[in-house]
């Protein structure tokens, strides 16, 4: 599973949309980089369940949640 760009998935099949959510604040705001990485890992896991092998972000993370598009690309 890889995180791709829009250009890399032009010849791939869209298999679905996935979203992920994690805590972006415990008592204080969490490191933005850590939150983004957790969101990507969670999205990859959900996309794999759909049979996808690539994901692209669908907007910016907001309040600890982010949407992704899951694609199946030929190798």
PDB file of N, CA and C in Angstrom:
ATOM      1  N   UNK A   1       0.865  -1.177   0.000  1.00  0.00           N
ATOM      2  CA  UNK A   1       0.000   0.000   0.000  1.00  0.00           C
ATOM      3  C   UNK A   1       0.900   1.224   0.000  1.00  0.00           C
ATOM      4  N   UNK A   2       0.562   2.155  -0.865  1.00  0.00           N
ATOM      5  CA  UNK A   2       1.362   3.376  -0.939  1.00  0.00           C
ATOM      6  C   UNK A   2       0.459   4.593  -0.972  1.00  0.00           C
ATOM      7  N   UNK A   3       1.010   5.696  -0.560  1.00  0.00           N
ATOM      8  CA  UNK A   3       0.308   6.960  -0.701  1.00  0.00           C
ATOM      9  C   UNK A   3       0.776   7.551  -2.022  1.00  0.00           C
ATOM     10  N   UNK A   4      -0.153   7.834  -2.909  1.00  0.00           N
ATOM     11  CA  UNK A   4       0.166   8.281  -4.258  1.00  0.00           C
ATOM     12  C   UNK A   4      -0.266   9.724  -4.459  1.00  0.00           C
ATOM     13  N   UNK A   5       0.080  10.243  -5.628  1.00  0.00           N
ATOM     14  CA  UNK A   5      -0.386  11.568  -6.037  1.00  0.00           C
ATOM     15  C   UNK A   5      -1.527  11.379  -7.037  1.00  0.00           C
ATOM     16  N   UNK A   6      -2.246  12.437  -7.304  1.00  0.00           N
ATOM     17  CA  UNK A   6      -3.348  12.379  -8.268  1.00  0.00           C
ATOM     18  C   UNK A   6      -2.850  11.922  -9.640  1.00  0.00           C
ATOM     19  N   UNK A   7      -1.694  12.394 -10.060  1.00  0.00           N
ATOM     20  CA  UNK A   7      -1.137  12.010 -11.363  1.00  0.00           C
ATOM     21  C   UNK A   7      -0.815  10.519 -11.424  1.00  0.00           C
ATOM     22  N   UNK A   8      -0.414   9.942 -10.320  1.00  0.00           N
ATOM     23  CA  UNK A   8      -0.034   8.526 -10.298  1.00  0.00           C
ATOM     24  C   UNK A   8      -1.233   7.579 -10.375  1.00  0.00           C
ATOM     25  N   UNK A   9      -2.434   8.067 -10.124  1.00  0.00           N
ATOM     26  CA  UNK A   9      -3.600   7.187 -10.126  1.00  0.00           C
ATOM     27  C   UNK A   9      -4.539   7.439 -11.306  1.00  0.00           C
ATOM     28  N   UNK A  10      -4.072   8.170 -12.319  1.00  0.00           N
ATOM     29  CA  UNK A  10      -4.941   8.491 -13.455  1.00  0.00           C
ATOM     30  C   UNK A  10      -5.392   7.239 -14.205  1.00  0.00           C
ATOM     31  N   UNK A  11      -4.588   6.188 -14.230  1.00  0.00           N
ATOM     32  CA  UNK A  11      -4.953   4.956 -14.931  1.00  0.00           C
ATOM     33  C   UNK A  11      -5.386   3.854 -13.971  1.00  0.00           C
ATOM     34  N   UNK A  12      -5.702   4.211 -12.750  1.00  0.00           N
ATOM     35  CA  UNK A  12      -6.094   3.241 -11.732  1.00  0.00           C
ATOM     36  C   UNK A  12      -7.609   3.260 -11.550  1.00  0.00           C
ATOM     37  N   UNK A  13      -8.118   2.211 -10.931  1.00  0.00           N
ATOM     38  CA  UNK A  13      -9.556   2.098 -10.677  1.00  0.00           C
ATOM     39  C   UNK A  13      -9.864   2.577  -9.256  1.00  0.00           C
ATOM     40  N   UNK A  14     -10.792   3.521  -9.146  1.00  0.00           N
ATOM     41  CA  UNK A  14     -11.243   3.981  -7.837  1.00  0.00           C
ATOM     42  C   UNK A  14     -12.088   2.875  -7.216  1.00  0.00           C
ATOM     43  N   UNK A  15     -11.694   2.398  -6.044  1.00  0.00           N
ATOM     44  CA  UNK A  15     -12.455   1.328  -5.394  1.00  0.00           C
ATOM     45  C   UNK A  15     -13.289   1.830  -4.230  1.00  0.00           C
ATOM     46  N   UNK A  16     -13.051   3.051  -3.794  1.00  0.00           N
ATOM     47  CA  UNK A  16     -13.877   3.590  -2.732  1.00  0.00           C
ATOM     48  C   UNK A  16     -13.253   4.767  -2.016  1.00  0.00           C
ATOM     49  N   UNK A  17     -14.017   5.297  -1.096  1.00  0.00           N
ATOM     50  CA  UNK A  17     -13.563   6.392  -0.241  1.00  0.00           C
ATOM     51  C   UNK A  17     -13.412   5.857   1.171  1.00  0.00           C
ATOM     52  N   UNK A  18     -12.373   6.290   1.835  1.00  0.00           N
ATOM     53  CA  UNK A  18     -12.163   5.910   3.228  1.00  0.00           C
ATOM     54  C   UNK A  18     -11.861   7.167   4.031  1.00  0.00           C
ATOM     55  N   UNK A  19     -12.121   7.078   5.305  1.00  0.00           N
ATOM     56  CA  UNK A  19     -11.765   8.187   6.186  1.00  0.00           C
ATOM     57  C   UNK A  19     -11.125   7.616   7.427  1.00  0.00           C
ATOM     58  N   UNK A  20     -10.327   8.428   8.046  1.00  0.00           N
ATOM     59  CA  UNK A  20      -9.687   8.000   9.284  1.00  0.00           C
ATOM     60  C   UNK A  20      -9.784   9.121  10.297  1.00  0.00           C
ATOM     61  N   UNK A  21      -9.705   8.734  11.556  1.00  0.00           N
ATOM     62  CA  UNK A  21      -9.812   9.713  12.630  1.00  0.00           C
ATOM     63  C   UNK A  21      -8.938   9.277  13.785  1.00  0.00           C
ATOM     64  N   UNK A  22      -8.278  10.230  14.391  1.00  0.00           N
ATOM     65  CA  UNK A  22      -7.457   9.998  15.569  1.00  0.00           C
ATOM     66  C   UNK A  22      -7.563  11.230  16.454  1.00  0.00           C
ATOM     67  N   UNK A  23      -7.101  11.115  17.652  1.00  0.00           N
ATOM     68  CA  UNK A  23      -7.150  12.272  18.554  1.00  0.00           C
ATOM     69  C   UNK A  23      -6.090  13.280  18.144  1.00  0.00           C
ATOM     70  N   UNK A  24      -6.522  14.513  17.930  1.00  0.00           N
ATOM     71  CA  UNK A  24      -5.565  15.568  17.613  1.00  0.00           C
ATOM     72  C   UNK A  24      -5.249  16.410  18.841  1.00  0.00           C
ATOM     73  N   UNK A  25      -5.963  16.130  19.918  1.00  0.00           N
ATOM     74  CA  UNK A  25      -5.762  16.886  21.151  1.00  0.00           C
ATOM     75  C   UNK A  25      -6.024  15.948  22.315  1.00  0.00           C
ATOM     76  N   UNK A  26      -5.109  15.910  23.256  1.00  0.00           N
ATOM     77  CA  UNK A  26      -5.327  15.152  24.480  1.00  0.00           C
ATOM     78  C   UNK A  26      -5.624  16.211  25.544  1.00  0.00           C
ATOM     79  N   UNK A  27      -4.612  16.769  26.140  1.00  0.00           N
ATOM     80  CA  UNK A  27      -4.795  17.934  27.001  1.00  0.00           C
ATOM     81  C   UNK A  27      -4.321  19.167  26.230  1.00  0.00           C
ATOM     82  N   UNK A  28      -3.393  18.922  25.323  1.00  0.00           N
ATOM     83  CA  UNK A  28      -2.842  19.982  24.480  1.00  0.00           C
ATOM     84  C   UNK A  28      -2.843  19.458  23.047  1.00  0.00           C
ATOM     85  N   UNK A  29      -2.650  20.328  22.080  1.00  0.00           N
ATOM     86  CA  UNK A  29      -2.623  19.910  20.679  1.00  0.00           C
ATOM     87  C   UNK A  29      -1.443  18.992  20.429  1.00  0.00           C
ATOM     88  N   UNK A  30      -1.687  17.899  19.718  1.00  0.00           N
ATOM     89  CA  UNK A  30      -0.638  16.950  19.368  1.00  0.00           C
ATOM     90  C   UNK A  30       0.155  17.476  18.176  1.00  0.00           C
ATOM     91  N   UNK A  31       1.350  16.952  18.009  1.00  0.00           N
ATOM     92  CA  UNK A  31       2.203  17.292  16.884  1.00  0.00           C
ATOM     93  C   UNK A  31       1.468  16.983  15.579  1.00  0.00           C
ATOM     94  N   UNK A  32       1.360  17.957  14.710  1.00  0.00           N
ATOM     95  CA  UNK A  32       0.622  17.808  13.451  1.00  0.00           C
ATOM     96  C   UNK A  32       1.185  16.679  12.593  1.00  0.00           C
ATOM     97  N   UNK A  33       2.503  16.536  12.549  1.00  0.00           N
ATOM     98  CA  UNK A  33       3.130  15.469  11.768  1.00  0.00           C
ATOM     99  C   UNK A  33       2.735  14.092  12.270  1.00  0.00           C
ATOM    100  N   UNK A  34       2.688  13.918  13.577  1.00  0.00           N
ATOM    101  CA  UNK A  34       2.285  12.634  14.149  1.00  0.00           C
ATOM    102  C   UNK A  34       0.835  12.311  13.827  1.00  0.00           C
ATOM    103  N   UNK A  35      -0.026  13.303  13.915  1.00  0.00           N
ATOM    104  CA  UNK A  35      -1.445  13.106  13.620  1.00  0.00           C
ATOM    105  C   UNK A  35      -1.607  12.694  12.154  1.00  0.00           C
ATOM    106  N   UNK A  36      -0.917  13.389  11.238  1.00  0.00           N
ATOM    107  CA  UNK A  36      -1.014  13.073   9.811  1.00  0.00           C
ATOM    108  C   UNK A  36      -0.554  11.646   9.538  1.00  0.00           C
ATOM    109  N   UNK A  37       0.550  11.234  10.151  1.00  0.00           N
ATOM    110  CA  UNK A  37       1.058   9.877   9.949  1.00  0.00           C
ATOM    111  C   UNK A  37       0.071   8.826  10.441  1.00  0.00           C
ATOM    112  N   UNK A  38      -0.531   9.063  11.587  1.00  0.00           N
ATOM    113  CA  UNK A  38      -1.533   8.129  12.111  1.00  0.00           C
ATOM    114  C   UNK A  38      -2.736   8.041  11.184  1.00  0.00           C
ATOM    115  N   UNK A  39      -3.175   9.177  10.649  1.00  0.00           N
ATOM    116  CA  UNK A  39      -4.308   9.182   9.736  1.00  0.00           C
ATOM    117  C   UNK A  39      -4.008   8.380   8.474  1.00  0.00           C
ATOM    118  N   UNK A  40      -2.792   8.504   7.956  1.00  0.00           N
ATOM    119  CA  UNK A  40      -2.393   7.766   6.757  1.00  0.00           C
ATOM    120  C   UNK A  40      -2.364   6.274   7.035  1.00  0.00           C
ATOM    121  N   UNK A  41      -1.795   5.868   8.159  1.00  0.00           N
ATOM    122  CA  UNK A  41      -1.736   4.439   8.500  1.00  0.00           C
ATOM    123  C   UNK A  41      -3.146   3.863   8.629  1.00  0.00           C
ATOM    124  N   UNK A  42      -4.018   4.568   9.312  1.00  0.00           N
ATOM    125  CA  UNK A  42      -5.398   4.092   9.469  1.00  0.00           C
ATOM    126  C   UNK A  42      -6.103   3.995   8.115  1.00  0.00           C
ATOM    127  N   UNK A  43      -5.891   4.986   7.250  1.00  0.00           N
ATOM    128  CA  UNK A  43      -6.516   4.974   5.927  1.00  0.00           C
ATOM    129  C   UNK A  43      -5.977   3.829   5.076  1.00  0.00           C
ATOM    130  N   UNK A  44      -4.686   3.562   5.159  1.00  0.00           N
ATOM    131  CA  UNK A  44      -4.098   2.441   4.411  1.00  0.00           C
ATOM    132  C   UNK A  44      -4.737   1.120   4.829  1.00  0.00           C
ATOM    133  N   UNK A  45      -4.926   0.947   6.112  1.00  0.00           N
ATOM    134  CA  UNK A  45      -5.537  -0.293   6.603  1.00  0.00           C
ATOM    135  C   UNK A  45      -6.962  -0.449   6.082  1.00  0.00           C
ATOM    136  N   UNK A  46      -7.745   0.625   6.116  1.00  0.00           N
ATOM    137  CA  UNK A  46      -9.119   0.561   5.621  1.00  0.00           C
ATOM    138  C   UNK A  46      -9.147   0.340   4.113  1.00  0.00           C
ATOM    139  N   UNK A  47      -8.246   0.986   3.385  1.00  0.00           N
ATOM    140  CA  UNK A  47      -8.202   0.842   1.930  1.00  0.00           C
ATOM    141  C   UNK A  47      -7.813  -0.574   1.539  1.00  0.00           C
ATOM    142  N   UNK A  48      -6.935  -1.198   2.297  1.00  0.00           N
ATOM    143  CA  UNK A  48      -6.532  -2.579   2.013  1.00  0.00           C
ATOM    144  C   UNK A  48      -7.724  -3.520   2.120  1.00  0.00           C
ATOM    145  N   UNK A  49      -8.627  -3.245   3.037  1.00  0.00           N
ATOM    146  CA  UNK A  49      -9.835  -4.065   3.181  1.00  0.00           C
ATOM    147  C   UNK A  49     -10.727  -3.977   1.940  1.00  0.00           C
ATOM    148  N   UNK A  50     -10.606  -2.883   1.176  1.00  0.00           N
ATOM    149  CA  UNK A  50     -11.380  -2.711  -0.052  1.00  0.00           C
ATOM    150  C   UNK A  50     -10.662  -3.308  -1.270  1.00  0.00           C
ATOM    151  N   UNK A  51      -9.440  -3.787  -1.067  1.00  0.00           N
ATOM    152  CA  UNK A  51      -8.657  -4.337  -2.169  1.00  0.00           C
ATOM    153  C   UNK A  51      -7.821  -3.288  -2.883  1.00  0.00           C
ATOM    154  N   UNK A  52      -7.681  -2.125  -2.304  1.00  0.00           N
ATOM    155  CA  UNK A  52      -6.893  -1.051  -2.912  1.00  0.00           C
ATOM    156  C   UNK A  52      -5.405  -1.262  -2.633  1.00  0.00           C
ATOM    157  N   UNK A  53      -4.574  -0.655  -3.477  1.00  0.00           N
ATOM    158  CA  UNK A  53      -3.134  -0.689  -3.226  1.00  0.00           C
ATOM    159  C   UNK A  53      -2.511   0.702  -3.263  1.00  0.00           C
ATOM    160  N   UNK A  54      -3.358   1.733  -3.357  1.00  0.00           N
ATOM    161  CA  UNK A  54      -2.874   3.115  -3.326  1.00  0.00           C
ATOM    162  C   UNK A  54      -3.972   4.009  -2.758  1.00  0.00           C
ATOM    163  N   UNK A  55      -3.554   5.047  -2.052  1.00  0.00           N
ATOM    164  CA  UNK A  55      -4.499   6.043  -1.542  1.00  0.00           C
ATOM    165  C   UNK A  55      -3.984   7.429  -1.886  1.00  0.00           C
ATOM    166  N   UNK A  56      -4.915   8.357  -2.042  1.00  0.00           N
ATOM    167  CA  UNK A  56      -4.560   9.767  -2.149  1.00  0.00           C
ATOM    168  C   UNK A  56      -5.423  10.535  -1.161  1.00  0.00           C
ATOM    169  N   UNK A  57      -4.894  11.635  -0.677  1.00  0.00           N
ATOM    170  CA  UNK A  57      -5.664  12.445   0.268  1.00  0.00           C
ATOM    171  C   UNK A  57      -6.790  13.154  -0.467  1.00  0.00           C
ATOM    172  N   UNK A  58      -7.864  13.367   0.216  1.00  0.00           N
ATOM    173  CA  UNK A  58      -9.023  14.062  -0.334  1.00  0.00           C
ATOM    174  C   UNK A  58      -9.316  15.237   0.586  1.00  0.00           C
ATOM    175  N   UNK A  59      -8.448  16.227   0.543  1.00  0.00           N
ATOM    176  CA  UNK A  59      -8.573  17.382   1.418  1.00  0.00           C
ATOM    177  C   UNK A  59      -7.554  17.332   2.541  1.00  0.00           C
ATOM    178  N   UNK A  60      -7.569  18.360   3.327  1.00  0.00           N
ATOM    179  CA  UNK A  60      -6.638  18.493   4.449  1.00  0.00           C
ATOM    180  C   UNK A  60      -7.223  17.869   5.716  1.00  0.00           C
ATOM    181  N   UNK A  61      -6.342  17.413   6.622  1.00  0.00           N
ATOM    182  CA  UNK A  61      -6.850  16.903   7.904  1.00  0.00           C
ATOM    183  C   UNK A  61      -7.517  18.030   8.688  1.00  0.00           C
ATOM    184  N   UNK A  62      -8.583  17.665   9.388  1.00  0.00           N
ATOM    185  CA  UNK A  62      -9.306  18.670  10.173  1.00  0.00           C
ATOM    186  C   UNK A  62      -9.829  18.024  11.445  1.00  0.00           C
ATOM    187  N   UNK A  63      -9.452  18.564  12.567  1.00  0.00           N
ATOM    188  CA  UNK A  63      -9.894  18.076  13.874  1.00  0.00           C
ATOM    189  C   UNK A  63      -9.618  16.583  14.047  1.00  0.00           C
ATOM    190  N   UNK A  64      -8.461  16.139  13.564  1.00  0.00           N
ATOM    191  CA  UNK A  64      -8.067  14.746  13.746  1.00  0.00           C
ATOM    192  C   UNK A  64      -8.722  13.770  12.781  1.00  0.00           C
ATOM    193  N   UNK A  65      -9.323  14.271  11.710  1.00  0.00           N
ATOM    194  CA  UNK A  65      -9.964  13.395  10.725  1.00  0.00           C
ATOM    195  C   UNK A  65      -9.521  13.803   9.325  1.00  0.00           C
ATOM    196  N   UNK A  66      -9.502  12.826   8.419  1.00  0.00           N
ATOM    197  CA  UNK A  66      -9.138  13.113   7.036  1.00  0.00           C
ATOM    198  C   UNK A  66      -9.785  12.092   6.112  1.00  0.00           C
ATOM    199  N   UNK A  67     -10.144  12.546   4.920  1.00  0.00           N
ATOM    200  CA  UNK A  67     -10.731  11.672   3.901  1.00  0.00           C
ATOM    201  C   UNK A  67      -9.668  11.292   2.878  1.00  0.00           C
ATOM    202  N   UNK A  68      -9.814  10.098   2.318  1.00  0.00           N
ATOM    203  CA  UNK A  68      -8.898   9.580   1.307  1.00  0.00           C
ATOM    204  C   UNK A  68      -9.697   8.875   0.227  1.00  0.00           C
ATOM    205  N   UNK A  69      -9.125   8.783  -0.962  1.00  0.00           N
ATOM    206  CA  UNK A  69      -9.672   7.976  -2.037  1.00  0.00           C
ATOM    207  C   UNK A  69      -8.769   6.760  -2.190  1.00  0.00           C
ATOM    208  N   UNK A  70      -9.378   5.587  -2.343  1.00  0.00           N
ATOM    209  CA  UNK A  70      -8.625   4.338  -2.441  1.00  0.00           C
ATOM    210  C   UNK A  70      -8.679   3.815  -3.882  1.00  0.00           C
ATOM    211  N   UNK A  71      -7.529   3.441  -4.430  1.00  0.00           N
ATOM    212  CA  UNK A  71      -7.417   3.008  -5.816  1.00  0.00           C
ATOM    213  C   UNK A  71      -6.747   1.640  -5.918  1.00  0.00           C
ATOM    214  N   UNK A  72      -7.089   0.930  -6.983  1.00  0.00           N
ATOM    215  CA  UNK A  72      -6.413  -0.302  -7.346  1.00  0.00           C
ATOM    216  C   UNK A  72      -5.647  -0.014  -8.623  1.00  0.00           C
ATOM    217  N   UNK A  73      -4.321  -0.086  -8.540  1.00  0.00           N
ATOM    218  CA  UNK A  73      -3.452   0.218  -9.673  1.00  0.00           C
ATOM    219  C   UNK A  73      -2.743  -1.047 -10.136  1.00  0.00           C
ATOM    220  N   UNK A  74      -2.611  -1.176 -11.447  1.00  0.00           N
ATOM    221  CA  UNK A  74      -1.865  -2.307 -12.008  1.00  0.00           C
ATOM    222  C   UNK A  74      -0.380  -2.052 -11.749  1.00  0.00           C
ATOM    223  N   UNK A  75       0.350  -3.095 -11.501  1.00  0.00           N
ATOM    224  CA  UNK A  75       1.792  -2.923 -11.228  1.00  0.00           C
ATOM    225  C   UNK A  75       2.574  -2.704 -12.478  1.00  0.00           C
TER     226      UNK A  75
END
